């Protein structure tokens, strides 16, 4: 609905211009810009590192959990051993109850850890994405102003039906490569910027 309204808004704005007005329109593939921007690739690598650290920590916790479950199983087996006296078996049952309580507490800790880490990863991803989008927006605005464009459309956008919002672009300037090159010109030394499409 928002895409439809924005498309209608653009159409109304264009139709409201005087017939003599020159309209300068450009298109950009923001998906390509986002993908080819070196900071996106750095952010992806950083998120993979964070995820790997989370997984490693979780696996260590799962190892501790498995040990606790095995200990509980041994205590249960001992508590069910008919060769032991009733007093010893009662002690083992009490120890088993304590171990089961410890295991359940650790299960809660595992769930909380998983939820917390996922939220941290989502938050970190959102912050990185917002920073990248802000960078791209500034460059698009700057190019739009310096080149005198009245309108720059994202040709990679999709409607709610999954169809492209910009269906035909013959004769329009595509500034995707220029934006990618501008964005990657600020890449620190130590590697080549990705090539623009």
Foldseek 3Di string as FASTA:
>chain_A
DVLVVVLVVVVVVVVPDDPPDDAAEAEEAVVLLCVQQVLNVVLVVVLVVLVVVLVVVLVVLVVVLVVLVVVLVVLVVVLPDPVDDPVVSVVSVVVSVVSVVVSVVSVVVSVVSVVVSVVVSVVSVVVSVVVSVVLLVVLVVVCCVVVVHPYYYHQNDADPVRHTSDDDDPPHHYCHQVSSCVSRVPPDPDDHRGHRD
